[in-house]
Amino acid sequence: MLEMRKGEGEMLVSAKKRSVPTKILAVLGTVLVWFPILAPVMFSVVAFIITREFRFDYLMPAELFPAILVGGGLLIWAALREGSHQRFIGGSLGIAAVTLVAVQMFAEVTGLASGATEPVGWPWIGVTTLLAIFLLAVVAVGVGGVLLLRKLFKPTRSARSMW
């Protein structure tokens, strides 16, 4: 997988690791992870242009978690093939999954999910705090995907020296 350049003493990643399937996995995974984060922003801009009313669905990333989960899985697969950023992507995806379950459980236990409790006070603060942690974890998965893409599409030392 790694080869040593004679005379320079530096390690180079072989072309096998940066194969086209790994790049495809990383690109698809990154797009799937970022879509639920960027979709509410795009839809809000379009709705504002059309209706002149600001509407923002801050729960959309949680509703689109299956896309995040599939995208995160593809990113972990690509990261394992590349041998880079596996812990960061996997850890962030794990935190996102755990906090999403925690948000749902907390909303159910406090009565916010059923409407039995008004969305004020400590129950509301707890749910929104957990939702914010979920969103930050999803953004971290997306950042991990971008970092992985930068590494995958970075030209190798030998390719740069040819030009």
N, C-alpha and C. Protein backbone atom coordinates (compact mmCIF):
# COMPACT_ATOMS: atom_id res chain seq x y z
N MET A 1 0.81 -1.19 0.00
CA MET A 1 0.00 0.00 0.00
C MET A 1 0.86 1.27 0.00
N LEU A 2 1.87 1.29 0.86
CA LEU A 2 2.76 2.44 0.86
C LEU A 2 4.07 2.03 0.21
N GLU A 3 4.63 2.92 -0.53
CA GLU A 3 5.90 2.59 -1.16
C GLU A 3 6.92 3.66 -0.79
N MET A 4 8.16 3.25 -0.69
CA MET A 4 9.23 4.16 -0.31
C MET A 4 9.93 4.65 -1.57
N ARG A 5 10.10 5.96 -1.66
CA ARG A 5 10.84 6.52 -2.78
C ARG A 5 12.32 6.40 -2.51
N LYS A 6 13.03 5.90 -3.47
CA LYS A 6 14.46 5.68 -3.30
C LYS A 6 15.19 7.02 -3.25
N GLY A 7 16.00 7.20 -2.23
CA GLY A 7 16.84 8.38 -2.15
C GLY A 7 16.22 9.54 -1.39
N GLU A 8 14.92 9.63 -1.31
CA GLU A 8 14.32 10.77 -0.63
C GLU A 8 13.79 10.40 0.74
N GLY A 9 13.55 9.13 1.00
CA GLY A 9 13.10 8.70 2.31
C GLY A 9 11.69 9.14 2.66
N GLU A 10 10.81 9.38 1.70
CA GLU A 10 9.44 9.79 2.01
C GLU A 10 8.46 8.72 1.54
N MET A 11 7.38 8.63 2.26
CA MET A 11 6.36 7.64 1.94
C MET A 11 5.35 8.25 0.96
N LEU A 12 4.93 7.45 0.01
CA LEU A 12 3.91 7.87 -0.94
C LEU A 12 2.75 6.89 -0.90
N VAL A 13 1.56 7.41 -1.08
CA VAL A 13 0.39 6.55 -1.13
C VAL A 13 0.30 6.01 -2.54
N SER A 14 0.11 4.71 -2.64
CA SER A 14 0.02 4.11 -3.97
C SER A 14 -1.30 4.47 -4.62
N ALA A 15 -1.35 4.32 -5.93
CA ALA A 15 -2.56 4.65 -6.69
C ALA A 15 -3.71 3.71 -6.36
N LYS A 16 -3.38 2.52 -5.86
CA LYS A 16 -4.43 1.55 -5.53
C LYS A 16 -5.35 2.08 -4.44
N LYS A 17 -4.77 2.73 -3.42
CA LYS A 17 -5.58 3.24 -2.32
C LYS A 17 -6.50 4.37 -2.77
N ARG A 18 -6.04 5.20 -3.65
CA ARG A 18 -6.83 6.33 -4.10
C ARG A 18 -7.57 5.97 -5.38
N SER A 19 -8.18 4.82 -5.34
CA SER A 19 -8.88 4.32 -6.51
C SER A 19 -10.18 5.08 -6.74
N VAL A 20 -10.72 4.92 -7.92
CA VAL A 20 -11.97 5.58 -8.29
C VAL A 20 -13.12 5.16 -7.37
N PRO A 21 -13.29 3.88 -7.02
CA PRO A 21 -14.39 3.53 -6.11
C PRO A 21 -14.31 4.25 -4.76
N THR A 22 -13.12 4.42 -4.22
CA THR A 22 -12.97 5.12 -2.95
C THR A 22 -13.39 6.58 -3.09
N LYS A 23 -13.01 7.20 -4.19
CA LYS A 23 -13.39 8.59 -4.43
C LYS A 23 -14.90 8.72 -4.61
N ILE A 24 -15.51 7.77 -5.31
CA ILE A 24 -16.96 7.80 -5.50
C ILE A 24 -17.67 7.65 -4.16
N LEU A 25 -17.21 6.72 -3.33
CA LEU A 25 -17.80 6.54 -2.00
C LEU A 25 -17.71 7.84 -1.19
N ALA A 26 -16.57 8.48 -1.23
CA ALA A 26 -16.35 9.70 -0.45
C ALA A 26 -17.23 10.85 -0.97
N VAL A 27 -17.32 11.00 -2.28
CA VAL A 27 -18.13 12.08 -2.84
C VAL A 27 -19.61 11.86 -2.52
N LEU A 28 -20.12 10.65 -2.76
CA LEU A 28 -21.52 10.36 -2.47
C LEU A 28 -21.83 10.52 -0.98
N GLY A 29 -20.95 10.01 -0.14
CA GLY A 29 -21.15 10.13 1.29
C GLY A 29 -21.18 11.57 1.76
N THR A 30 -20.27 12.39 1.25
CA THR A 30 -20.22 13.80 1.64
C THR A 30 -21.48 14.54 1.19
N VAL A 31 -21.94 14.27 -0.03
CA VAL A 31 -23.15 14.92 -0.53
C VAL A 31 -24.35 14.51 0.32
N LEU A 32 -24.46 13.22 0.63
CA LEU A 32 -25.60 12.75 1.43
C LEU A 32 -25.59 13.31 2.85
N VAL A 33 -24.43 13.53 3.42
CA VAL A 33 -24.35 14.08 4.77
C VAL A 33 -24.67 15.58 4.77
N TRP A 34 -24.18 16.32 3.77
CA TRP A 34 -24.40 17.76 3.75
C TRP A 34 -25.80 18.15 3.28
N PHE A 35 -26.47 17.30 2.50
CA PHE A 35 -27.80 17.65 1.99
C PHE A 35 -28.79 18.01 3.09
N PRO A 36 -28.95 17.19 4.15
CA PRO A 36 -29.92 17.56 5.19
C PRO A 36 -29.56 18.84 5.95
N ILE A 37 -28.31 19.22 5.96
CA ILE A 37 -27.91 20.46 6.62
C ILE A 37 -28.19 21.66 5.72
N LEU A 38 -27.92 21.53 4.43
CA LEU A 38 -28.07 22.65 3.50
C LEU A 38 -29.48 22.80 2.95
N ALA A 39 -30.27 21.72 2.93
CA ALA A 39 -31.62 21.76 2.36
C ALA A 39 -32.52 22.78 3.05
N PRO A 40 -32.57 22.84 4.39
CA PRO A 40 -33.45 23.85 5.00
C PRO A 40 -33.06 25.28 4.64
N VAL A 41 -31.76 25.52 4.50
CA VAL A 41 -31.30 26.86 4.12
C VAL A 41 -31.75 27.19 2.70
N MET A 42 -31.55 26.23 1.77
CA MET A 42 -31.95 26.46 0.38
C MET A 42 -33.46 26.66 0.27
N PHE A 43 -34.24 25.82 0.95
CA PHE A 43 -35.69 25.93 0.89
C PHE A 43 -36.16 27.24 1.51
N SER A 44 -35.50 27.70 2.56
CA SER A 44 -35.86 28.97 3.19
C SER A 44 -35.63 30.14 2.25
N VAL A 45 -34.52 30.11 1.54
CA VAL A 45 -34.22 31.18 0.58
C VAL A 45 -35.26 31.20 -0.53
N VAL A 46 -35.58 30.03 -1.08
CA VAL A 46 -36.57 29.95 -2.15
C VAL A 46 -37.93 30.41 -1.64
N ALA A 47 -38.33 29.98 -0.46
CA ALA A 47 -39.63 30.37 0.10
C ALA A 47 -39.67 31.87 0.35
N PHE A 48 -38.57 32.44 0.80
CA PHE A 48 -38.53 33.88 1.05
C PHE A 48 -38.65 34.67 -0.25
N ILE A 49 -38.00 34.19 -1.29
CA ILE A 49 -38.09 34.87 -2.59
C ILE A 49 -39.51 34.82 -3.13
N ILE A 50 -40.17 33.68 -2.98
CA ILE A 50 -41.51 33.51 -3.54
C ILE A 50 -42.57 34.19 -2.68
N THR A 51 -42.57 33.97 -1.37
CA THR A 51 -43.66 34.45 -0.52
C THR A 51 -43.32 35.68 0.31
N ARG A 52 -42.07 36.07 0.36
CA ARG A 52 -41.59 37.18 1.19
C ARG A 52 -41.82 36.92 2.68
N GLU A 53 -41.90 35.65 3.05
CA GLU A 53 -41.99 35.23 4.45
C GLU A 53 -40.81 34.33 4.76
N PHE A 54 -40.20 34.56 5.91
CA PHE A 54 -39.07 33.72 6.31
C PHE A 54 -39.59 32.49 7.02
N ARG A 55 -39.29 31.33 6.47
CA ARG A 55 -39.67 30.05 7.07
C ARG A 55 -38.42 29.16 7.07
N PHE A 56 -38.16 28.58 8.23
CA PHE A 56 -36.98 27.74 8.36
C PHE A 56 -37.34 26.50 9.16
N ASP A 57 -37.16 25.33 8.58
CA ASP A 57 -37.46 24.06 9.24
C ASP A 57 -36.19 23.52 9.88
N TYR A 58 -35.98 23.85 11.14
CA TYR A 58 -34.76 23.44 11.84
C TYR A 58 -34.78 21.96 12.21
N LEU A 59 -35.91 21.29 12.05
CA LEU A 59 -35.99 19.86 12.35
C LEU A 59 -35.69 18.99 11.12
N MET A 60 -35.54 19.60 9.94
CA MET A 60 -35.34 18.83 8.72
C MET A 60 -34.12 17.90 8.79
N PRO A 61 -32.97 18.33 9.32
CA PRO A 61 -31.85 17.40 9.40
C PRO A 61 -32.18 16.14 10.21
N ALA A 62 -32.95 16.29 11.28
CA ALA A 62 -33.34 15.11 12.07
C ALA A 62 -34.29 14.22 11.27
N GLU A 63 -35.18 14.85 10.50
CA GLU A 63 -36.12 14.08 9.69
C GLU A 63 -35.42 13.34 8.54
N LEU A 64 -34.33 13.90 8.08
CA LEU A 64 -33.57 13.30 6.97
C LEU A 64 -32.37 12.48 7.48
N PHE A 65 -32.44 12.02 8.73
CA PHE A 65 -31.34 11.25 9.29
C PHE A 65 -30.98 10.00 8.50
N PRO A 66 -31.94 9.32 7.85
CA PRO A 66 -31.52 8.17 7.03
C PRO A 66 -30.49 8.53 5.97
N ALA A 67 -30.61 9.70 5.36
CA ALA A 67 -29.61 10.14 4.37
C ALA A 67 -28.26 10.36 5.05
N ILE A 68 -28.30 10.94 6.24
CA ILE A 68 -27.06 11.17 6.99
C ILE A 68 -26.42 9.83 7.35
N LEU A 69 -27.23 8.88 7.77
CA LEU A 69 -26.72 7.57 8.16
C LEU A 69 -26.09 6.84 6.97
N VAL A 70 -26.76 6.86 5.82
CA VAL A 70 -26.20 6.21 4.63
C VAL A 70 -24.93 6.93 4.19
N GLY A 71 -24.98 8.27 4.15
CA GLY A 71 -23.80 9.04 3.77
C GLY A 71 -22.63 8.83 4.72
N GLY A 72 -22.92 8.79 6.02
CA GLY A 72 -21.87 8.52 7.00
C GLY A 72 -21.28 7.13 6.83
N GLY A 73 -22.14 6.16 6.52
CA GLY A 73 -21.64 4.81 6.27
C GLY A 73 -20.71 4.76 5.06
N LEU A 74 -21.09 5.47 4.00
CA LEU A 74 -20.22 5.53 2.82
C LEU A 74 -18.90 6.22 3.14
N LEU A 75 -18.97 7.27 3.96
CA LEU A 75 -17.73 7.97 4.34
C LEU A 75 -16.83 7.09 5.20
N ILE A 76 -17.42 6.33 6.11
CA ILE A 76 -16.61 5.42 6.93
C ILE A 76 -15.96 4.36 6.04
N TRP A 77 -16.71 3.84 5.09
CA TRP A 77 -16.17 2.85 4.16
C TRP A 77 -14.99 3.45 3.38
N ALA A 78 -15.19 4.65 2.84
CA ALA A 78 -14.10 5.30 2.10
C ALA A 78 -12.92 5.61 3.00
N ALA A 79 -13.19 6.03 4.23
CA ALA A 79 -12.11 6.34 5.17
C ALA A 79 -11.32 5.08 5.54
N LEU A 80 -12.01 3.96 5.69
CA LEU A 80 -11.30 2.71 5.96
C LEU A 80 -10.45 2.29 4.78
N ARG A 81 -10.96 2.47 3.57
CA ARG A 81 -10.18 2.14 2.37
C ARG A 81 -8.96 3.04 2.25
N GLU A 82 -9.12 4.32 2.62
CA GLU A 82 -8.01 5.27 2.53
C GLU A 82 -7.09 5.17 3.74
N GLY A 83 -7.61 4.74 4.88
CA GLY A 83 -6.81 4.67 6.10
C GLY A 83 -6.65 6.01 6.77
N SER A 84 -7.67 6.85 6.66
CA SER A 84 -7.58 8.20 7.20
C SER A 84 -8.96 8.70 7.64
N HIS A 85 -9.01 9.43 8.75
CA HIS A 85 -10.22 10.09 9.26
C HIS A 85 -11.32 9.13 9.72
N GLN A 86 -11.02 7.84 9.92
CA GLN A 86 -12.05 6.89 10.33
C GLN A 86 -12.62 7.23 11.70
N ARG A 87 -11.76 7.53 12.65
CA ARG A 87 -12.23 7.81 14.01
C ARG A 87 -13.06 9.08 14.07
N PHE A 88 -12.62 10.10 13.37
CA PHE A 88 -13.33 11.38 13.39
C PHE A 88 -14.73 11.23 12.79
N ILE A 89 -14.81 10.60 11.63
CA ILE A 89 -16.10 10.42 10.96
C ILE A 89 -16.98 9.47 11.75
N GLY A 90 -16.43 8.33 12.16
CA GLY A 90 -17.21 7.35 12.92
C GLY A 90 -17.67 7.88 14.27
N GLY A 91 -16.80 8.56 14.97
CA GLY A 91 -17.17 9.13 16.26
C GLY A 91 -18.25 10.19 16.14
N SER A 92 -18.10 11.05 15.15
CA SER A 92 -19.11 12.10 14.94
C SER A 92 -20.46 11.49 14.55
N LEU A 93 -20.44 10.48 13.70
CA LEU A 93 -21.68 9.81 13.31
C LEU A 93 -22.32 9.11 14.52
N GLY A 94 -21.51 8.51 15.36
CA GLY A 94 -22.03 7.88 16.57
C GLY A 94 -22.66 8.89 17.52
N ILE A 95 -22.01 10.03 17.69
CA ILE A 95 -22.57 11.09 18.55
C ILE A 95 -23.89 11.59 17.96
N ALA A 96 -23.95 11.76 16.64
CA ALA A 96 -25.18 12.21 16.00
C ALA A 96 -26.31 11.22 16.25
N ALA A 97 -26.04 9.95 16.10
CA ALA A 97 -27.08 8.93 16.29
C ALA A 97 -27.56 8.89 17.74
N VAL A 98 -26.62 8.93 18.67
CA VAL A 98 -26.97 8.87 20.09
C VAL A 98 -27.77 10.11 20.50
N THR A 99 -27.35 11.29 20.06
CA THR A 99 -28.08 12.50 20.45
C THR A 99 -29.45 12.58 19.79
N LEU A 100 -29.60 12.04 18.59
CA LEU A 100 -30.92 12.03 17.96
C LEU A 100 -31.88 11.16 18.77
N VAL A 101 -31.41 10.00 19.19
CA VAL A 101 -32.24 9.13 20.04
C VAL A 101 -32.54 9.84 21.37
N ALA A 102 -31.54 10.52 21.93
CA ALA A 102 -31.73 11.23 23.20
C ALA A 102 -32.75 12.35 23.06
N VAL A 103 -32.72 13.08 21.94
CA VAL A 103 -33.71 14.14 21.70
C VAL A 103 -35.11 13.55 21.70
N GLN A 104 -35.28 12.47 20.97
CA GLN A 104 -36.60 11.85 20.87
C GLN A 104 -37.07 11.32 22.23
N MET A 105 -36.19 10.67 22.96
CA MET A 105 -36.57 10.14 24.27
C MET A 105 -36.89 11.27 25.25
N PHE A 106 -36.07 12.31 25.25
CA PHE A 106 -36.28 13.43 26.17
C PHE A 106 -37.59 14.15 25.86
N ALA A 107 -37.88 14.33 24.58
CA ALA A 107 -39.15 14.98 24.19
C ALA A 107 -40.34 14.12 24.60
N GLU A 108 -40.21 12.82 24.50
CA GLU A 108 -41.30 11.92 24.89
C GLU A 108 -41.49 11.91 26.40
N VAL A 109 -40.41 11.82 27.15
CA VAL A 109 -40.49 11.76 28.61
C VAL A 109 -41.04 13.05 29.20
N THR A 110 -40.64 14.19 28.65
CA THR A 110 -41.09 15.48 29.20
C THR A 110 -42.48 15.88 28.72
N GLY A 111 -43.03 15.18 27.75
CA GLY A 111 -44.35 15.50 27.25
C GLY A 111 -44.35 16.48 26.09
N LEU A 112 -43.18 16.92 25.65
CA LEU A 112 -43.11 17.84 24.51
C LEU A 112 -43.55 17.16 23.21
N ALA A 113 -43.25 15.89 23.07
CA ALA A 113 -43.58 15.18 21.84
C ALA A 113 -45.08 15.03 21.65
N SER A 114 -45.81 14.84 22.73
CA SER A 114 -47.26 14.65 22.64
C SER A 114 -48.03 15.96 22.72
N GLY A 115 -47.37 17.02 23.14
CA GLY A 115 -48.06 18.31 23.29
C GLY A 115 -48.61 18.50 24.68
N ALA A 116 -48.38 17.56 25.59
CA ALA A 116 -48.87 17.68 26.96
C ALA A 116 -48.15 18.80 27.72
N THR A 117 -46.94 19.11 27.32
CA THR A 117 -46.15 20.17 27.94
C THR A 117 -45.96 21.30 26.94
N GLU A 118 -46.09 22.52 27.42
CA GLU A 118 -45.84 23.68 26.57
C GLU A 118 -44.35 23.77 26.25
N PRO A 119 -44.02 24.21 25.04
CA PRO A 119 -42.59 24.32 24.67
C PRO A 119 -41.92 25.54 25.30
N VAL A 120 -41.79 25.51 26.62
CA VAL A 120 -41.11 26.56 27.37
C VAL A 120 -40.34 25.91 28.51
N GLY A 121 -39.45 26.67 29.11
CA GLY A 121 -38.74 26.21 30.30
C GLY A 121 -37.67 25.17 30.02
N TRP A 122 -37.34 24.43 31.09
CA TRP A 122 -36.23 23.49 31.00
C TRP A 122 -36.46 22.35 30.02
N PRO A 123 -37.70 21.83 29.82
CA PRO A 123 -37.85 20.77 28.82
C PRO A 123 -37.49 21.26 27.40
N TRP A 124 -37.92 22.46 27.08
CA TRP A 124 -37.63 23.03 25.76
C TRP A 124 -36.13 23.28 25.60
N ILE A 125 -35.51 23.80 26.64
CA ILE A 125 -34.06 24.06 26.60
C ILE A 125 -33.30 22.75 26.43
N GLY A 126 -33.72 21.71 27.14
CA GLY A 126 -33.05 20.41 27.02
C GLY A 126 -33.16 19.82 25.62
N VAL A 127 -34.35 19.88 25.04
CA VAL A 127 -34.55 19.33 23.70
C VAL A 127 -33.76 20.13 22.66
N THR A 128 -33.81 21.45 22.75
CA THR A 128 -33.08 22.25 21.76
C THR A 128 -31.57 22.11 21.93
N THR A 129 -31.10 21.94 23.16
CA THR A 129 -29.66 21.73 23.38
C THR A 129 -29.21 20.41 22.76
N LEU A 130 -29.99 19.35 23.00
CA LEU A 130 -29.65 18.06 22.39
C LEU A 130 -29.72 18.12 20.87
N LEU A 131 -30.70 18.84 20.34
CA LEU A 131 -30.81 18.99 18.89
C LEU A 131 -29.61 19.76 18.33
N ALA A 132 -29.15 20.78 19.06
CA ALA A 132 -27.96 21.53 18.62
C ALA A 132 -26.72 20.64 18.62
N ILE A 133 -26.58 19.78 19.62
CA ILE A 133 -25.45 18.84 19.65
C ILE A 133 -25.54 17.89 18.47
N PHE A 134 -26.75 17.41 18.17
CA PHE A 134 -26.95 16.55 17.00
C PHE A 134 -26.50 17.26 15.72
N LEU A 135 -26.94 18.50 15.55
CA LEU A 135 -26.58 19.24 14.33
C LEU A 135 -25.07 19.47 14.23
N LEU A 136 -24.44 19.78 15.35
CA LEU A 136 -22.98 19.97 15.34
C LEU A 136 -22.26 18.67 15.00
N ALA A 137 -22.77 17.55 15.48
CA ALA A 137 -22.16 16.25 15.16
C ALA A 137 -22.32 15.94 13.68
N VAL A 138 -23.48 16.26 13.10
CA VAL A 138 -23.68 16.02 11.67
C VAL A 138 -22.75 16.91 10.85
N VAL A 139 -22.60 18.16 11.26
CA VAL A 139 -21.67 19.06 10.57
C VAL A 139 -20.25 18.50 10.68
N ALA A 140 -19.90 17.94 11.83
CA ALA A 140 -18.57 17.33 11.99
C ALA A 140 -18.38 16.16 11.04
N VAL A 141 -19.42 15.34 10.84
CA VAL A 141 -19.32 14.25 9.86
C VAL A 141 -19.08 14.83 8.47
N GLY A 142 -19.82 15.90 8.13
CA GLY A 142 -19.63 16.54 6.83
C GLY A 142 -18.24 17.13 6.66
N VAL A 143 -17.72 17.72 7.71
CA VAL A 143 -16.35 18.26 7.66
C VAL A 143 -15.35 17.13 7.49
N GLY A 144 -15.58 16.01 8.18
CA GLY A 144 -14.72 14.84 7.99
C GLY A 144 -14.75 14.36 6.55
N GLY A 145 -15.92 14.40 5.93
CA GLY A 145 -16.03 14.03 4.51
C GLY A 145 -15.25 14.97 3.62
N VAL A 146 -15.33 16.26 3.90
CA VAL A 146 -14.57 17.24 3.10
C VAL A 146 -13.07 17.03 3.28
N LEU A 147 -12.64 16.78 4.51
CA LEU A 147 -11.21 16.52 4.75
C LEU A 147 -10.74 15.27 4.02
N LEU A 148 -11.59 14.24 4.03
CA LEU A 148 -11.25 13.01 3.32
C LEU A 148 -11.17 13.27 1.81
N LEU A 149 -12.10 14.05 1.28
CA LEU A 149 -12.06 14.38 -0.15
C LEU A 149 -10.80 15.16 -0.50
N ARG A 150 -10.42 16.09 0.35
CA ARG A 150 -9.18 16.85 0.09
C ARG A 150 -7.98 15.92 0.02
N LYS A 151 -7.95 14.94 0.91
CA LYS A 151 -6.83 14.00 0.91
C LYS A 151 -6.87 13.11 -0.33
N LEU A 152 -8.08 12.65 -0.68
CA LEU A 152 -8.19 11.74 -1.83
C LEU A 152 -7.85 12.43 -3.15
N PHE A 153 -8.22 13.68 -3.29
CA PHE A 153 -8.01 14.37 -4.56
C PHE A 153 -6.74 15.21 -4.59
N LYS A 154 -5.95 15.13 -3.53
CA LYS A 154 -4.67 15.83 -3.51
C LYS A 154 -3.69 15.06 -4.38
N PRO A 155 -3.01 15.74 -5.30
CA PRO A 155 -2.06 15.02 -6.15
C PRO A 155 -0.89 14.49 -5.32
N THR A 156 -0.38 13.34 -5.72
CA THR A 156 0.75 12.75 -5.01
C THR A 156 2.01 13.55 -5.31
N ARG A 157 3.01 13.33 -4.51
CA ARG A 157 4.28 14.06 -4.65
C ARG A 157 4.89 13.81 -6.02
N SER A 158 4.83 12.57 -6.49
CA SER A 158 5.46 12.24 -7.78
C SER A 158 4.69 12.90 -8.93
N ALA A 159 3.37 13.04 -8.82
CA ALA A 159 2.59 13.66 -9.88
C ALA A 159 2.91 15.16 -9.93
N ARG A 160 3.10 15.79 -8.77
CA ARG A 160 3.40 17.22 -8.75
C ARG A 160 4.80 17.49 -9.31
N SER A 161 5.74 16.57 -9.08
CA SER A 161 7.11 16.81 -9.53
C SER A 161 7.26 16.65 -11.04
N MET A 162 6.28 15.97 -11.68
CA MET A 162 6.36 15.79 -13.14
C MET A 162 6.14 17.11 -13.86
N TRP A 163 5.35 17.99 -13.28
CA TRP A 163 5.03 19.26 -13.96
C TRP A 163 6.03 20.27 -13.56
